[in-house]
Amino acid sequence: MIRPPRRLSHDEIEALLALDVPARFATLDADGFPHVTPLWFVWDDGAFHLTSYSDRPHLRRLTDDPRAGLCVDIEQPAREDGERPNLQVRATGTAELFPDEGGAWTQRIDEKYVRGPAGAPHASARTAHPRVVIRLRPDRMLAVGSV
């Protein structure tokens, strides 16, 4: 029997957004078609923060149309009943773009995703080139999971 999804609690949302899984970040092209880019992120103070090199197509699309969305989700192996339990957060809003001064946001994001001895060199390599911060403070957010 398929059961409808349930709303996630605040603690479940925070735990999901703390995981080192990428967000699927959606932007719109000039014709209104969506483009999805997987990006690392940090959830901080009610907003998603992502960084990217300034020449990336998704940044050009955001300059033309700052409306954006993203999805962060995880899925577990199938249970005996065939259900694949999952948790997901979906958000939409207007993205803000600004320079990642000193690479501070890129450093925070790298600390979340790259642990151990590889972390510091990885972060140094990514912050050696100017990056742009994408801040998405959701206008709408839906957080649901399997029962």
Protein backbone atom coordinates (compact mmCIF):
# COMPACT_ATOMS: atom_id res chain seq x y z
CA MET A 1 0.00 0.00 0.00
CA ILE A 2 1.43 3.37 -1.00
CA ARG A 3 1.15 5.93 1.76
CA PRO A 4 1.11 9.70 1.26
CA PRO A 5 4.25 11.56 2.34
CA ARG A 6 4.46 13.15 5.77
CA ARG A 7 5.81 16.57 6.69
CA LEU A 8 9.33 16.54 8.13
CA SER A 9 9.98 17.95 11.58
CA HIS A 10 12.34 20.89 12.08
CA ASP A 11 15.00 18.50 13.42
CA GLU A 12 14.63 16.19 10.39
CA ILE A 13 14.99 19.16 8.03
CA GLU A 14 18.12 20.39 9.80
CA ALA A 15 19.62 16.87 9.82
CA LEU A 16 18.92 16.36 6.10
CA LEU A 17 20.40 19.74 5.14
CA ALA A 18 23.52 18.99 7.21
CA LEU A 19 24.30 15.84 5.17
CA ASP A 20 27.04 15.92 2.55
CA VAL A 21 24.66 15.33 -0.36
CA PRO A 22 24.42 17.82 -3.23
CA ALA A 23 21.48 20.08 -3.92
CA ARG A 24 19.93 19.88 -7.36
CA PHE A 25 19.80 23.57 -8.22
CA ALA A 26 17.37 24.71 -10.94
CA THR A 27 17.57 27.88 -13.02
CA LEU A 28 15.48 29.10 -15.96
CA ASP A 29 16.76 29.92 -19.44
CA ALA A 30 15.48 32.78 -21.63
CA ASP A 31 12.70 30.55 -22.98
CA GLY A 32 11.57 29.54 -19.48
CA PHE A 33 13.00 26.01 -19.62
CA PRO A 34 14.59 24.69 -16.42
CA HIS A 35 18.21 23.60 -16.16
CA VAL A 36 19.34 21.54 -13.16
CA THR A 37 22.89 21.66 -11.80
CA PRO A 38 24.09 19.58 -8.83
CA LEU A 39 25.93 21.85 -6.38
CA TRP A 40 27.34 21.60 -2.89
CA PHE A 41 25.71 23.91 -0.36
CA VAL A 42 25.53 25.07 3.23
CA TRP A 43 22.22 25.83 4.95
CA ASP A 44 22.73 28.83 7.22
CA ASP A 45 20.38 31.36 8.81
CA GLY A 46 17.35 30.21 6.79
CA ALA A 47 19.10 30.26 3.40
CA PHE A 48 20.96 27.95 1.05
CA HIS A 49 24.47 29.16 0.16
CA LEU A 50 26.21 27.71 -2.89
CA THR A 51 29.29 28.93 -4.76
CA SER A 52 30.43 28.71 -8.34
CA TYR A 53 33.00 30.12 -10.75
CA SER A 54 31.71 33.32 -12.33
CA ASP A 55 31.67 31.99 -15.89
CA ARG A 56 29.19 29.17 -15.26
CA PRO A 57 25.96 29.06 -17.33
CA HIS A 58 23.70 28.80 -14.27
CA LEU A 59 25.07 32.14 -13.02
CA ARG A 60 24.39 33.78 -16.38
CA ARG A 61 20.83 32.44 -16.26
CA LEU A 62 20.38 33.81 -12.72
CA THR A 63 21.58 37.22 -13.86
CA ASP A 64 18.81 37.23 -16.48
CA ASP A 65 16.15 35.65 -14.23
CA PRO A 66 16.93 35.23 -10.51
CA ARG A 67 14.07 32.80 -9.88
CA ALA A 68 15.49 29.46 -8.77
CA GLY A 69 14.67 26.25 -7.00
CA LEU A 70 16.45 23.34 -5.47
CA CYS A 71 15.92 19.88 -4.09
CA VAL A 72 17.93 18.03 -1.48
CA ASP A 73 16.95 14.40 -1.01
CA ILE A 74 18.09 11.01 0.19
CA GLU A 75 16.62 7.60 -0.53
CA GLN A 76 17.05 4.40 1.44
CA PRO A 77 17.15 0.84 0.05
CA ALA A 78 13.80 -0.78 -0.64
CA ARG A 79 11.93 -2.24 2.31
CA GLU A 80 10.16 -5.60 2.20
CA ASP A 81 6.96 -3.81 1.11
CA GLY A 82 8.80 -2.36 -1.92
CA GLU A 83 8.73 1.21 -0.59
CA ARG A 84 12.01 3.16 -0.89
CA PRO A 85 11.92 5.48 2.14
CA ASN A 86 13.06 8.99 1.34
CA LEU A 87 13.39 12.45 2.78
CA GLN A 88 13.36 15.58 0.68
CA VAL A 89 13.44 19.34 0.96
CA ARG A 90 12.29 21.38 -2.03
CA ALA A 91 12.62 25.15 -2.11
CA THR A 92 11.96 28.03 -4.49
CA GLY A 93 12.82 31.69 -4.29
CA THR A 94 14.78 34.56 -5.75
CA ALA A 95 18.53 34.02 -5.79
CA GLU A 96 21.00 36.70 -4.78
CA LEU A 97 24.50 36.75 -6.29
CA PHE A 98 27.56 38.33 -4.68
CA PRO A 99 31.34 37.78 -4.67
CA ASP A 100 32.72 35.18 -2.27
CA GLU A 101 35.12 37.63 -0.60
CA GLY A 102 38.16 35.74 0.66
CA GLY A 103 36.50 32.43 -0.26
CA ALA A 104 34.70 32.27 3.09
CA TRP A 105 31.56 30.53 1.80
CA THR A 106 33.53 28.17 -0.42
CA GLN A 107 35.66 27.24 2.60
CA ARG A 108 32.56 26.49 4.70
CA ILE A 109 31.03 24.41 1.93
CA ASP A 110 34.26 22.44 1.42
CA GLU A 111 34.49 21.74 5.16
CA LYS A 112 31.06 20.11 4.93
CA TYR A 113 31.87 17.88 1.93
CA VAL A 114 35.60 17.14 2.01
CA ARG A 115 36.86 15.75 5.30
CA GLY A 116 40.20 14.41 6.40
CA PRO A 117 43.62 15.23 4.96
CA ALA A 118 42.23 16.09 1.52
CA GLY A 119 39.98 18.84 2.91
CA ALA A 120 42.42 21.73 3.30
CA PRO A 121 44.16 21.31 -0.09
CA HIS A 122 40.79 20.94 -1.82
CA ALA A 123 39.44 24.11 -0.24
CA SER A 124 42.64 26.02 -1.04
CA ALA A 125 42.43 25.00 -4.70
CA ARG A 126 38.79 26.07 -4.97
CA THR A 127 39.28 29.40 -3.18
CA ALA A 128 42.36 30.25 -5.27
CA HIS A 129 39.99 31.41 -8.04
CA PRO A 130 37.27 34.03 -7.53
CA ARG A 131 33.87 32.51 -6.90
CA VAL A 132 30.34 33.85 -6.71
CA VAL A 133 27.96 33.06 -3.85
CA ILE A 134 24.40 32.10 -4.70
CA ARG A 135 22.09 32.73 -1.75
CA LEU A 136 18.61 31.28 -1.99
CA ARG A 137 16.38 32.31 0.88
CA PRO A 138 13.24 30.26 0.19
CA ASP A 139 9.92 31.96 -0.43
CA ARG A 140 8.42 28.49 -0.36
CA MET A 141 9.80 25.30 1.10
CA LEU A 142 8.30 21.82 1.26
CA ALA A 143 9.92 19.14 3.38
CA VAL A 144 8.40 15.66 3.17
CA GLY A 145 9.33 12.05 3.69
CA SER A 146 8.05 8.53 3.52
CA VAL A 147 5.98 7.11 6.33
